[in-house]
C-alpha atoms as a PDB file:
ATOM      1  CA  MET A   1     108.302 112.984 164.073  1.00  0.00           C
ATOM      2  CA  ALA A   2     107.604 116.798 164.382  1.00  0.00           C
ATOM      3  CA  LYS A   3     107.021 117.678 168.340  1.00  0.00           C
ATOM      4  CA  PHE A   4     104.073 119.447 169.001  1.00  0.00           C
ATOM      5  CA  LYS A   5     103.257 122.264 170.811  1.00  0.00           C
ATOM      6  CA  GLU A   6      99.883 122.955 172.779  1.00  0.00           C
ATOM      7  CA  PHE A   7      97.542 125.520 170.702  1.00  0.00           C
ATOM      8  CA  LYS A   8      94.488 126.292 172.312  1.00  0.00           C
ATOM      9  CA  ARG A   9      91.351 127.608 170.987  1.00  0.00           C
ATOM     10  CA  GLU A  10      87.912 129.003 171.490  1.00  0.00           C
ATOM     11  CA  ILE A  11      85.209 126.057 170.517  1.00  0.00           C
ATOM     12  CA  THR A  12      81.861 126.624 170.919  1.00  0.00           C
ATOM     13  CA  SER A  13      79.060 123.746 170.372  1.00  0.00           C
ATOM     14  CA  TYR A  14      75.648 124.531 169.942  1.00  0.00           C
ATOM     15  CA  GLN A  15      72.585 121.906 170.330  1.00  0.00           C
ATOM     16  CA  ASP A  16      69.093 122.379 169.271  1.00  0.00           C
ATOM     17  CA  GLN A  17      66.029 122.545 171.225  1.00  0.00           C
ATOM     18  CA  GLY A  18      64.976 118.964 170.333  1.00  0.00           C
ATOM     19  CA  ASP A  19      68.288 117.421 170.797  1.00  0.00           C
ATOM     20  CA  ASN A  20      68.902 116.600 167.005  1.00  0.00           C
ATOM     21  CA  PHE A  21      71.904 117.312 166.269  1.00  0.00           C
ATOM     22  CA  CYS A  22      74.892 119.766 167.594  1.00  0.00           C
ATOM     23  CA  ILE A  23      77.191 121.951 165.824  1.00  0.00           C
ATOM     24  CA  VAL A  24      80.656 122.397 167.243  1.00  0.00           C
ATOM     25  CA  VAL A  25      82.182 126.046 165.742  1.00  0.00           C
ATOM     26  CA  ILE A  26      86.125 126.884 165.988  1.00  0.00           C
ATOM     27  CA  PRO A  27      86.815 130.163 164.698  1.00  0.00           C
ATOM     28  CA  ALA A  28      89.387 130.559 161.423  1.00  0.00           C
ATOM     29  CA  GLY A  29      90.530 133.791 161.329  1.00  0.00           C
ATOM     30  CA  LYS A  30      89.885 136.862 159.516  1.00  0.00           C
ATOM     31  CA  GLN A  31      89.991 137.473 155.807  1.00  0.00           C
ATOM     32  CA  HIS A  32      89.729 140.625 153.911  1.00  0.00           C
ATOM     33  CA  ASN A  33      86.831 140.418 151.376  1.00  0.00           C
ATOM     34  CA  GLY A  34      87.725 144.125 149.442  1.00  0.00           C
ATOM     35  CA  GLU A  35      85.830 146.102 151.648  1.00  0.00           C
ATOM     36  CA  THR A  36      85.925 144.886 155.034  1.00  0.00           C
ATOM     37  CA  TYR A  37      87.401 141.837 157.067  1.00  0.00           C
ATOM     38  CA  VAL A  38      85.224 139.141 157.569  1.00  0.00           C
ATOM     39  CA  GLN A  39      85.564 136.510 160.208  1.00  0.00           C
ATOM     40  CA  TYR A  40      85.480 132.816 159.104  1.00  0.00           C
ATOM     41  CA  TYR A  41      84.389 129.423 161.291  1.00  0.00           C
ATOM     42  CA  HIS A  42      85.522 125.812 161.343  1.00  0.00           C
ATOM     43  CA  THR A  43      82.138 123.988 161.652  1.00  0.00           C
ATOM     44  CA  ILE A  44      81.100 120.216 162.329  1.00  0.00           C
ATOM     45  CA  SER A  45      77.745 119.755 162.374  1.00  0.00           C
ATOM     46  CA  GLU A  46      76.555 116.012 163.695  1.00  0.00           C
ATOM     47  CA  ASP A  47      73.067 114.030 163.990  1.00  0.00           C
ATOM     48  CA  TYR A  48      71.989 112.430 166.759  1.00  0.00           C
ATOM     49  CA  HIS A  49      69.626 109.855 165.212  1.00  0.00           C
ATOM     50  CA  ASP A  50      72.006 108.872 162.512  1.00  0.00           C
ATOM     51  CA  VAL A  51      72.909 105.149 163.934  1.00  0.00           C
ATOM     52  CA  GLY A  52      76.819 105.520 162.775  1.00  0.00           C
ATOM     53  CA  PRO A  53      79.831 108.142 162.912  1.00  0.00           C
ATOM     54  CA  ASN A  54      78.601 111.038 161.250  1.00  0.00           C
ATOM     55  CA  GLY A  55      79.702 114.925 160.686  1.00  0.00           C
ATOM     56  CA  LYS A  56      79.808 117.308 158.348  1.00  0.00           C
ATOM     57  CA  TYR A  57      82.130 119.754 157.934  1.00  0.00           C
ATOM     58  CA  LYS A  58      81.978 123.291 156.208  1.00  0.00           C
ATOM     59  CA  LEU A  59      83.726 126.732 156.591  1.00  0.00           C
ATOM     60  CA  VAL A  60      81.414 129.399 156.933  1.00  0.00           C
ATOM     61  CA  ASP A  61      81.760 133.188 157.133  1.00  0.00           C
ATOM     62  CA  GLU A  62      80.184 135.192 160.028  1.00  0.00           C
ATOM     63  CA  PHE A  63      77.127 135.733 158.290  1.00  0.00           C
ATOM     64  CA  GLU A  64      76.525 132.165 157.020  1.00  0.00           C
ATOM     65  CA  LEU A  65      76.943 131.323 160.650  1.00  0.00           C
ATOM     66  CA  GLU A  66      74.482 133.466 161.751  1.00  0.00           C
ATOM     67  CA  GLN A  67      71.997 131.878 159.050  1.00  0.00           C
ATOM     68  CA  MET A  68      72.733 128.118 160.364  1.00  0.00           C
ATOM     69  CA  LEU A  69      71.976 129.024 164.376  1.00  0.00           C
ATOM     70  CA  ASN A  70      69.022 131.201 163.788  1.00  0.00           C
ATOM     71  CA  ASN A  71      67.196 128.659 161.115  1.00  0.00           C
END
């Protein structure tokens, strides 16, 4: 079995005002889109009112993340 080294990453979580869901955001790196570099993020959103385990993963760019957090 491979030996793993600790790799610390910046993780941020956001919770809506009504305590209905949470979004966990993890930086995924930058990619050049032909014109400029764009930051990407791993996101996991979970609904607190769901009765079972849940969570939706989505890879988003910095613009999509801004829309997710401001809607």
